Amino acid sequence: MARLYVRSGLDPDLPTAVLVVDPDGTPGERAVVRLGAYCHEGSGAFYLLQTDGWAEHTRAGDRLTVAVAVYPVGLRALRVDPADFPARSAVDPRAALVLHVEAAVDPSLPAGLAEGTVVLVAADDTPLDALLGPGAEPPMLLAPPPETLDEDEDTDGPVRD
């Protein structure tokens, strides 16, 4: 089962949402793991373009929810059937929500989090500190949702060349 943490020290200014997904976990976790193949490598991490997908944060009191949204064209490129994920993004209903994770957070944490979400891939029993230490695999970074949408775009979402 996917795990969600809020960790200080990853961003110099704000705590960061850290999502740990199991490569043998739920269909949503496996879809997120496969997104790594669709990312661009740079600066010690793998980045998913915001035009392909993103992570949405919602905080209510001591609960934080992170939802990963991906356009159907990206899912199909990874040989993942978008029909397997009927829930849609509140930001752009053309994007499928492939994973939704909720966790309790310290209510004394600042209301805002770093904009991106760190995604780490590991078996369910792997401690978070082992995933963040020296020699750890580079993380996947998901951007926040896009701020503006072009409503005239194809309903599959943006297409990359």
N, C-alpha and C. Protein backbone atom coordinates (compact mmCIF):
# COMPACT_ATOMS: atom_id res chain seq x y z
N MET A 1 0.84 -1.18 0.00
CA MET A 1 0.00 0.00 0.00
C MET A 1 0.88 1.24 0.00
N ALA A 2 0.53 2.22 -0.81
CA ALA A 2 1.29 3.46 -0.89
C ALA A 2 1.34 4.15 0.46
N ARG A 3 2.46 4.79 0.71
CA ARG A 3 2.65 5.52 1.97
C ARG A 3 2.93 6.98 1.66
N LEU A 4 2.43 7.87 2.51
CA LEU A 4 2.61 9.30 2.34
C LEU A 4 3.24 9.87 3.59
N TYR A 5 4.27 10.68 3.38
CA TYR A 5 4.98 11.33 4.49
C TYR A 5 5.10 12.82 4.17
N VAL A 6 5.33 13.62 5.19
CA VAL A 6 5.73 15.01 5.02
C VAL A 6 7.10 15.11 5.66
N ARG A 7 8.07 15.55 4.88
CA ARG A 7 9.45 15.53 5.33
C ARG A 7 10.08 16.90 5.19
N SER A 8 10.77 17.36 6.20
CA SER A 8 11.54 18.60 6.14
C SER A 8 12.93 18.29 5.60
N GLY A 9 13.61 19.32 5.09
CA GLY A 9 14.98 19.16 4.65
C GLY A 9 15.16 18.82 3.19
N LEU A 10 14.09 18.47 2.50
CA LEU A 10 14.21 18.16 1.07
C LEU A 10 14.10 19.43 0.24
N ASP A 11 13.33 20.37 0.70
CA ASP A 11 13.19 21.69 0.10
C ASP A 11 13.70 22.67 1.15
N PRO A 12 14.50 23.66 0.76
CA PRO A 12 15.07 24.55 1.77
C PRO A 12 14.04 25.41 2.52
N ASP A 13 12.87 25.61 1.93
CA ASP A 13 11.92 26.54 2.53
C ASP A 13 10.70 25.89 3.18
N LEU A 14 10.22 24.80 2.62
CA LEU A 14 8.96 24.20 3.08
C LEU A 14 9.07 22.70 3.20
N PRO A 15 8.26 22.08 4.06
CA PRO A 15 8.20 20.62 4.10
C PRO A 15 7.70 20.08 2.75
N THR A 16 8.06 18.85 2.45
CA THR A 16 7.76 18.25 1.16
C THR A 16 6.93 16.99 1.34
N ALA A 17 5.93 16.80 0.47
CA ALA A 17 5.17 15.55 0.45
C ALA A 17 6.04 14.49 -0.22
N VAL A 18 6.15 13.34 0.44
CA VAL A 18 6.92 12.21 -0.08
C VAL A 18 5.98 11.02 -0.18
N LEU A 19 5.86 10.50 -1.37
CA LEU A 19 4.99 9.38 -1.65
C LEU A 19 5.87 8.16 -1.94
N VAL A 20 5.63 7.06 -1.24
CA VAL A 20 6.37 5.83 -1.47
C VAL A 20 5.40 4.82 -2.07
N VAL A 21 5.73 4.33 -3.26
CA VAL A 21 4.86 3.39 -3.95
C VAL A 21 5.57 2.05 -4.12
N ASP A 22 4.81 1.00 -4.02
CA ASP A 22 5.32 -0.37 -4.11
C ASP A 22 5.18 -0.85 -5.55
N PRO A 23 6.27 -1.30 -6.18
CA PRO A 23 6.17 -1.77 -7.57
C PRO A 23 5.27 -3.00 -7.73
N ASP A 24 4.98 -3.68 -6.63
CA ASP A 24 4.09 -4.83 -6.66
C ASP A 24 2.76 -4.52 -5.98
N GLY A 25 2.48 -3.24 -5.79
CA GLY A 25 1.30 -2.82 -5.05
C GLY A 25 0.05 -2.76 -5.90
N THR A 26 -0.83 -1.85 -5.57
CA THR A 26 -2.11 -1.68 -6.24
C THR A 26 -1.92 -1.28 -7.70
N PRO A 27 -2.95 -1.40 -8.53
CA PRO A 27 -2.83 -0.95 -9.92
C PRO A 27 -2.39 0.52 -10.02
N GLY A 28 -2.87 1.36 -9.11
CA GLY A 28 -2.46 2.77 -9.12
C GLY A 28 -0.99 2.94 -8.81
N GLU A 29 -0.50 2.18 -7.83
CA GLU A 29 0.93 2.24 -7.51
C GLU A 29 1.77 1.77 -8.70
N ARG A 30 1.36 0.69 -9.31
CA ARG A 30 2.10 0.18 -10.47
C ARG A 30 2.09 1.18 -11.61
N ALA A 31 0.98 1.89 -11.81
CA ALA A 31 0.91 2.93 -12.85
C ALA A 31 1.88 4.07 -12.53
N VAL A 32 1.95 4.47 -11.27
CA VAL A 32 2.88 5.54 -10.88
C VAL A 32 4.32 5.08 -11.09
N VAL A 33 4.63 3.85 -10.73
CA VAL A 33 5.98 3.32 -10.95
C VAL A 33 6.32 3.39 -12.44
N ARG A 34 5.38 3.02 -13.29
CA ARG A 34 5.62 3.03 -14.73
C ARG A 34 5.82 4.45 -15.27
N LEU A 35 5.31 5.45 -14.56
CA LEU A 35 5.52 6.84 -14.99
C LEU A 35 7.00 7.18 -15.03
N GLY A 36 7.80 6.49 -14.24
CA GLY A 36 9.24 6.74 -14.26
C GLY A 36 9.83 6.60 -15.65
N ALA A 37 9.29 5.70 -16.45
CA ALA A 37 9.77 5.51 -17.82
C ALA A 37 9.39 6.67 -18.73
N TYR A 38 8.44 7.47 -18.31
CA TYR A 38 7.93 8.60 -19.09
C TYR A 38 8.56 9.92 -18.65
N CYS A 39 9.39 9.86 -17.63
CA CYS A 39 10.01 11.06 -17.05
C CYS A 39 11.27 11.46 -17.81
N HIS A 40 11.71 12.67 -17.52
CA HIS A 40 12.96 13.20 -18.06
C HIS A 40 13.96 13.28 -16.93
N GLU A 41 15.17 12.79 -17.19
CA GLU A 41 16.20 12.78 -16.16
C GLU A 41 16.92 14.11 -16.13
N GLY A 42 17.23 14.56 -14.91
CA GLY A 42 17.99 15.78 -14.75
C GLY A 42 18.22 16.10 -13.29
N SER A 43 19.38 16.62 -12.96
CA SER A 43 19.71 17.07 -11.61
C SER A 43 19.42 16.03 -10.54
N GLY A 44 19.78 14.79 -10.79
CA GLY A 44 19.65 13.75 -9.79
C GLY A 44 18.23 13.28 -9.52
N ALA A 45 17.32 13.54 -10.44
CA ALA A 45 15.93 13.11 -10.26
C ALA A 45 15.31 12.86 -11.63
N PHE A 46 14.13 12.26 -11.61
CA PHE A 46 13.35 12.05 -12.82
C PHE A 46 12.11 12.92 -12.72
N TYR A 47 11.87 13.73 -13.74
CA TYR A 47 10.79 14.72 -13.71
C TYR A 47 9.68 14.34 -14.69
N LEU A 48 8.45 14.29 -14.18
CA LEU A 48 7.30 14.12 -15.06
C LEU A 48 6.87 15.51 -15.51
N LEU A 49 6.77 15.70 -16.81
CA LEU A 49 6.34 17.00 -17.31
C LEU A 49 4.92 17.29 -16.84
N GLN A 50 4.70 18.52 -16.47
CA GLN A 50 3.39 18.95 -15.97
C GLN A 50 2.32 18.82 -17.05
N THR A 51 2.72 18.80 -18.30
CA THR A 51 1.75 18.61 -19.39
C THR A 51 1.31 17.16 -19.51
N ASP A 52 1.98 16.26 -18.78
CA ASP A 52 1.63 14.84 -18.79
C ASP A 52 0.90 14.41 -17.53
N GLY A 53 1.27 15.00 -16.40
CA GLY A 53 0.66 14.63 -15.14
C GLY A 53 1.21 15.46 -14.00
N TRP A 54 0.65 15.28 -12.83
CA TRP A 54 1.02 16.10 -11.68
C TRP A 54 0.50 15.46 -10.40
N ALA A 55 0.82 16.11 -9.27
CA ALA A 55 0.31 15.68 -7.97
C ALA A 55 -0.52 16.82 -7.37
N GLU A 56 -1.69 16.49 -6.90
CA GLU A 56 -2.58 17.46 -6.26
C GLU A 56 -2.53 17.25 -4.75
N HIS A 57 -2.32 18.32 -4.00
CA HIS A 57 -2.31 18.27 -2.53
C HIS A 57 -3.59 18.88 -2.00
N THR A 58 -4.18 18.24 -1.02
CA THR A 58 -5.33 18.80 -0.31
C THR A 58 -5.08 18.57 1.17
N ARG A 59 -5.18 19.64 1.94
CA ARG A 59 -4.97 19.51 3.38
C ARG A 59 -6.19 20.03 4.11
N ALA A 60 -6.66 19.21 5.04
CA ALA A 60 -7.80 19.59 5.89
C ALA A 60 -7.44 19.21 7.32
N GLY A 61 -7.11 20.20 8.12
CA GLY A 61 -6.72 19.94 9.51
C GLY A 61 -5.46 19.11 9.57
N ASP A 62 -5.57 17.93 10.19
CA ASP A 62 -4.39 17.08 10.32
C ASP A 62 -4.35 15.99 9.25
N ARG A 63 -5.09 16.13 8.16
CA ARG A 63 -5.10 15.14 7.07
C ARG A 63 -4.56 15.77 5.79
N LEU A 64 -3.65 15.07 5.17
CA LEU A 64 -3.11 15.48 3.88
C LEU A 64 -3.46 14.40 2.86
N THR A 65 -3.96 14.83 1.73
CA THR A 65 -4.27 13.92 0.63
C THR A 65 -3.42 14.32 -0.56
N VAL A 66 -2.80 13.34 -1.18
CA VAL A 66 -2.07 13.55 -2.42
C VAL A 66 -2.71 12.64 -3.46
N ALA A 67 -3.07 13.23 -4.60
CA ALA A 67 -3.64 12.47 -5.71
C ALA A 67 -2.74 12.69 -6.93
N VAL A 68 -2.43 11.61 -7.62
CA VAL A 68 -1.60 11.68 -8.82
C VAL A 68 -2.51 11.63 -10.04
N ALA A 69 -2.42 12.67 -10.87
CA ALA A 69 -3.25 12.79 -12.07
C ALA A 69 -2.37 12.64 -13.31
N VAL A 70 -2.86 11.89 -14.30
CA VAL A 70 -2.12 11.66 -15.53
C VAL A 70 -3.12 11.70 -16.69
N TYR A 71 -2.71 12.35 -17.77
CA TYR A 71 -3.57 12.36 -18.95
C TYR A 71 -3.60 10.98 -19.60
N PRO A 72 -4.74 10.62 -20.19
CA PRO A 72 -4.88 9.30 -20.83
C PRO A 72 -3.79 8.99 -21.86
N VAL A 73 -3.34 9.98 -22.61
CA VAL A 73 -2.31 9.73 -23.63
C VAL A 73 -1.03 9.22 -22.95
N GLY A 74 -0.70 9.74 -21.81
CA GLY A 74 0.48 9.27 -21.08
C GLY A 74 0.30 7.86 -20.56
N LEU A 75 -0.89 7.57 -20.06
CA LEU A 75 -1.16 6.22 -19.58
C LEU A 75 -1.07 5.21 -20.71
N ARG A 76 -1.66 5.55 -21.84
CA ARG A 76 -1.60 4.63 -22.98
C ARG A 76 -0.16 4.41 -23.45
N ALA A 77 0.67 5.46 -23.40
CA ALA A 77 2.07 5.32 -23.79
C ALA A 77 2.80 4.33 -22.89
N LEU A 78 2.32 4.18 -21.67
CA LEU A 78 2.92 3.25 -20.71
C LEU A 78 2.23 1.89 -20.72
N ARG A 79 1.31 1.72 -21.66
CA ARG A 79 0.50 0.49 -21.76
C ARG A 79 -0.34 0.26 -20.51
N VAL A 80 -0.89 1.37 -20.03
CA VAL A 80 -1.83 1.33 -18.91
C VAL A 80 -3.17 1.80 -19.47
N ASP A 81 -4.22 1.07 -19.20
CA ASP A 81 -5.54 1.41 -19.73
C ASP A 81 -6.16 2.52 -18.89
N PRO A 82 -6.40 3.69 -19.47
CA PRO A 82 -7.02 4.79 -18.73
C PRO A 82 -8.40 4.42 -18.16
N ALA A 83 -9.08 3.48 -18.80
CA ALA A 83 -10.41 3.06 -18.31
C ALA A 83 -10.32 2.39 -16.95
N ASP A 84 -9.13 1.92 -16.57
CA ASP A 84 -8.96 1.32 -15.25
C ASP A 84 -9.00 2.36 -14.13
N PHE A 85 -8.97 3.65 -14.50
CA PHE A 85 -8.94 4.73 -13.52
C PHE A 85 -10.05 5.73 -13.83
N PRO A 86 -11.27 5.45 -13.40
CA PRO A 86 -12.41 6.31 -13.74
C PRO A 86 -12.46 7.64 -12.99
N ALA A 87 -11.79 7.75 -11.83
CA ALA A 87 -11.81 9.02 -11.09
C ALA A 87 -11.05 10.07 -11.89
N ARG A 88 -11.51 11.31 -11.79
CA ARG A 88 -10.92 12.40 -12.57
C ARG A 88 -10.39 13.50 -11.66
N SER A 89 -9.43 14.23 -12.19
CA SER A 89 -8.81 15.35 -11.48
C SER A 89 -9.81 16.48 -11.31
N ALA A 90 -9.78 17.12 -10.15
CA ALA A 90 -10.60 18.30 -9.92
C ALA A 90 -10.05 19.49 -10.70
N VAL A 91 -8.76 19.47 -11.00
CA VAL A 91 -8.12 20.57 -11.72
C VAL A 91 -8.44 20.50 -13.22
N ASP A 92 -8.35 19.30 -13.77
CA ASP A 92 -8.64 19.09 -15.19
C ASP A 92 -9.30 17.72 -15.33
N PRO A 93 -10.61 17.67 -15.52
CA PRO A 93 -11.32 16.40 -15.60
C PRO A 93 -10.88 15.48 -16.74
N ARG A 94 -10.06 15.98 -17.64
CA ARG A 94 -9.53 15.12 -18.71
C ARG A 94 -8.46 14.18 -18.16
N ALA A 95 -7.87 14.52 -17.01
CA ALA A 95 -6.80 13.70 -16.42
C ALA A 95 -7.38 12.68 -15.45
N ALA A 96 -6.87 11.46 -15.53
CA ALA A 96 -7.30 10.39 -14.64
C ALA A 96 -6.51 10.45 -13.34
N LEU A 97 -7.19 10.18 -12.23
CA LEU A 97 -6.50 10.04 -10.95
C LEU A 97 -6.10 8.58 -10.82
N VAL A 98 -4.80 8.33 -10.83
CA VAL A 98 -4.33 6.95 -10.78
C VAL A 98 -4.00 6.52 -9.36
N LEU A 99 -3.78 7.47 -8.47
CA LEU A 99 -3.45 7.12 -7.09
C LEU A 99 -3.94 8.22 -6.17
N HIS A 100 -4.48 7.81 -5.04
CA HIS A 100 -5.02 8.74 -4.04
C HIS A 100 -4.56 8.22 -2.69
N VAL A 101 -3.73 9.00 -1.98
CA VAL A 101 -3.17 8.57 -0.71
C VAL A 101 -3.42 9.64 0.33
N GLU A 102 -3.81 9.21 1.52
CA GLU A 102 -4.10 10.14 2.62
C GLU A 102 -3.30 9.73 3.84
N ALA A 103 -2.87 10.73 4.61
CA ALA A 103 -2.12 10.45 5.83
C ALA A 103 -2.35 11.57 6.84
N ALA A 104 -2.17 11.22 8.10
CA ALA A 104 -2.22 12.22 9.16
C ALA A 104 -0.91 13.00 9.14
N VAL A 105 -1.00 14.30 9.37
CA VAL A 105 0.19 15.14 9.44
C VAL A 105 0.13 15.96 10.72
N ASP A 106 1.27 16.39 11.15
CA ASP A 106 1.37 17.22 12.34
C ASP A 106 0.64 18.54 12.09
N PRO A 107 -0.40 18.87 12.87
CA PRO A 107 -1.14 20.10 12.63
C PRO A 107 -0.29 21.36 12.82
N SER A 108 0.87 21.24 13.48
CA SER A 108 1.71 22.42 13.68
C SER A 108 2.59 22.71 12.47
N LEU A 109 2.60 21.81 11.47
CA LEU A 109 3.37 22.08 10.25
C LEU A 109 2.78 23.28 9.54
N PRO A 110 3.61 24.02 8.82
CA PRO A 110 3.07 25.13 8.03
C PRO A 110 1.97 24.64 7.09
N ALA A 111 0.99 25.49 6.83
CA ALA A 111 -0.12 25.11 5.96
C ALA A 111 0.35 24.75 4.56
N GLY A 112 1.36 25.47 4.07
CA GLY A 112 1.85 25.21 2.72
C GLY A 112 2.94 24.17 2.70
N LEU A 113 2.97 23.42 1.63
CA LEU A 113 4.04 22.45 1.39
C LEU A 113 4.80 22.89 0.16
N ALA A 114 5.98 22.30 -0.03
CA ALA A 114 6.71 22.53 -1.27
C ALA A 114 5.79 22.14 -2.43
N GLU A 115 5.93 22.83 -3.54
CA GLU A 115 5.00 22.60 -4.66
C GLU A 115 5.08 21.20 -5.24
N GLY A 116 6.24 20.63 -5.33
CA GLY A 116 6.38 19.31 -5.93
C GLY A 116 6.13 18.20 -4.93
N THR A 117 6.03 16.99 -5.46
CA THR A 117 5.88 15.79 -4.64
C THR A 117 6.99 14.82 -5.03
N VAL A 118 7.71 14.33 -4.05
CA VAL A 118 8.77 13.36 -4.27
C VAL A 118 8.12 11.98 -4.29
N VAL A 119 8.45 11.17 -5.29
CA VAL A 119 7.94 9.80 -5.37
C VAL A 119 9.14 8.86 -5.31
N LEU A 120 9.06 7.92 -4.39
CA LEU A 120 10.09 6.90 -4.22
C LEU A 120 9.46 5.53 -4.45
N VAL A 121 10.21 4.64 -5.04
CA VAL A 121 9.70 3.29 -5.34
C VAL A 121 10.41 2.30 -4.43
N ALA A 122 9.62 1.56 -3.66
CA ALA A 122 10.21 0.57 -2.75
C ALA A 122 9.13 -0.39 -2.27
N ALA A 123 9.59 -1.55 -1.83
CA ALA A 123 8.68 -2.52 -1.22
C ALA A 123 8.03 -1.89 0.00
N ASP A 124 6.87 -2.42 0.33
CA ASP A 124 6.04 -1.87 1.40
C ASP A 124 6.74 -1.77 2.75
N ASP A 125 7.71 -2.63 3.01
CA ASP A 125 8.35 -2.66 4.32
C ASP A 125 9.66 -1.88 4.39
N THR A 126 10.04 -1.17 3.33
CA THR A 126 11.29 -0.42 3.31
C THR A 126 11.13 0.88 4.10
N PRO A 127 11.99 1.12 5.09
CA PRO A 127 11.89 2.37 5.87
C PRO A 127 12.21 3.59 5.00
N LEU A 128 11.52 4.68 5.26
CA LEU A 128 11.71 5.90 4.48
C LEU A 128 13.16 6.37 4.55
N ASP A 129 13.78 6.34 5.72
CA ASP A 129 15.15 6.83 5.83
C ASP A 129 16.12 6.06 4.92
N ALA A 130 15.86 4.79 4.70
CA ALA A 130 16.71 4.00 3.80
C ALA A 130 16.56 4.46 2.36
N LEU A 131 15.42 5.03 2.02
CA LEU A 131 15.17 5.51 0.66
C LEU A 131 15.73 6.89 0.40
N LEU A 132 16.04 7.63 1.48
CA LEU A 132 16.51 9.01 1.34
C LEU A 132 18.01 9.15 1.60
N GLY A 133 18.64 8.11 2.09
CA GLY A 133 20.04 8.19 2.48
C GLY A 133 20.99 8.22 1.30
N PRO A 134 22.29 8.30 1.61
CA PRO A 134 23.31 8.28 0.55
C PRO A 134 23.21 7.00 -0.26
N GLY A 135 23.42 7.13 -1.56
CA GLY A 135 23.36 5.97 -2.44
C GLY A 135 21.96 5.54 -2.82
N ALA A 136 20.96 6.29 -2.37
CA ALA A 136 19.57 5.96 -2.70
C ALA A 136 19.31 6.21 -4.18
N GLU A 137 18.33 5.50 -4.71
CA GLU A 137 17.92 5.70 -6.10
C GLU A 137 17.37 7.13 -6.27
N PRO A 138 17.59 7.74 -7.44
CA PRO A 138 17.04 9.07 -7.66
C PRO A 138 15.50 9.04 -7.60
N PRO A 139 14.90 10.06 -7.01
CA PRO A 139 13.44 10.09 -6.92
C PRO A 139 12.79 10.55 -8.21
N MET A 140 11.49 10.33 -8.30
CA MET A 140 10.67 10.92 -9.34
C MET A 140 10.06 12.17 -8.71
N LEU A 141 10.02 13.26 -9.45
CA LEU A 141 9.41 14.49 -8.94
C LEU A 141 8.18 14.83 -9.78
N LEU A 142 7.07 15.01 -9.08
CA LEU A 142 5.82 15.40 -9.74
C LEU A 142 5.55 16.85 -9.43
N ALA A 143 5.25 17.62 -10.45
CA ALA A 143 4.94 19.04 -10.29
C ALA A 143 3.54 19.20 -9.70
N PRO A 144 3.25 20.42 -9.24
CA PRO A 144 1.87 20.70 -8.83
C PRO A 144 0.98 20.79 -10.08
N PRO A 145 -0.33 20.87 -9.89
CA PRO A 145 -1.22 20.97 -11.04
C PRO A 145 -0.96 22.22 -11.87
N PRO A 146 -1.27 22.16 -13.16
CA PRO A 146 -1.13 23.36 -13.99
C PRO A 146 -2.10 24.43 -13.52
N GLU A 147 -1.70 25.68 -13.71
CA GLU A 147 -2.56 26.79 -13.26
C GLU A 147 -3.57 27.20 -14.32
N THR A 148 -3.19 27.08 -15.59
CA THR A 148 -4.12 27.46 -16.65
C THR A 148 -4.30 26.29 -17.58
N LEU A 149 -5.49 26.17 -18.10
CA LEU A 149 -5.82 25.09 -19.01
C LEU A 149 -6.33 25.65 -20.32
N ASP A 150 -5.93 25.01 -21.39
CA ASP A 150 -6.43 25.38 -22.70
C ASP A 150 -7.61 24.47 -23.00
N GLU A 151 -8.81 24.99 -22.86
CA GLU A 151 -10.01 24.17 -23.02
C GLU A 151 -10.21 23.68 -24.44
N ASP A 152 -9.46 24.22 -25.40
CA ASP A 152 -9.60 23.78 -26.78
C ASP A 152 -8.75 22.56 -27.11
N GLU A 153 -7.94 22.12 -26.16
CA GLU A 153 -7.07 20.97 -26.42
C GLU A 153 -7.89 19.69 -26.54
N ASP A 154 -7.29 18.71 -27.17
CA ASP A 154 -7.87 17.38 -27.29
C ASP A 154 -8.22 16.84 -25.91
N THR A 155 -9.28 16.08 -25.80
CA THR A 155 -9.71 15.57 -24.49
C THR A 155 -8.78 14.52 -23.92
N ASP A 156 -7.83 14.02 -24.71
CA ASP A 156 -6.82 13.10 -24.17
C ASP A 156 -5.77 13.85 -23.37
N GLY A 157 -5.75 15.16 -23.47
CA GLY A 157 -4.72 15.95 -22.79
C GLY A 157 -3.62 16.30 -23.79
N PRO A 158 -2.65 17.07 -23.32
CA PRO A 158 -1.57 17.49 -24.20
C PRO A 158 -0.79 16.29 -24.75
N VAL A 159 -0.28 16.46 -25.93
CA VAL A 159 0.52 15.42 -26.56
C VAL A 159 1.93 15.97 -26.78
N ARG A 160 2.92 15.18 -26.37
CA ARG A 160 4.31 15.59 -26.56
C ARG A 160 4.80 15.09 -27.91
N ASP A 161 5.74 15.83 -28.47
CA ASP A 161 6.42 15.37 -29.68
C ASP A 161 7.60 14.51 -29.28
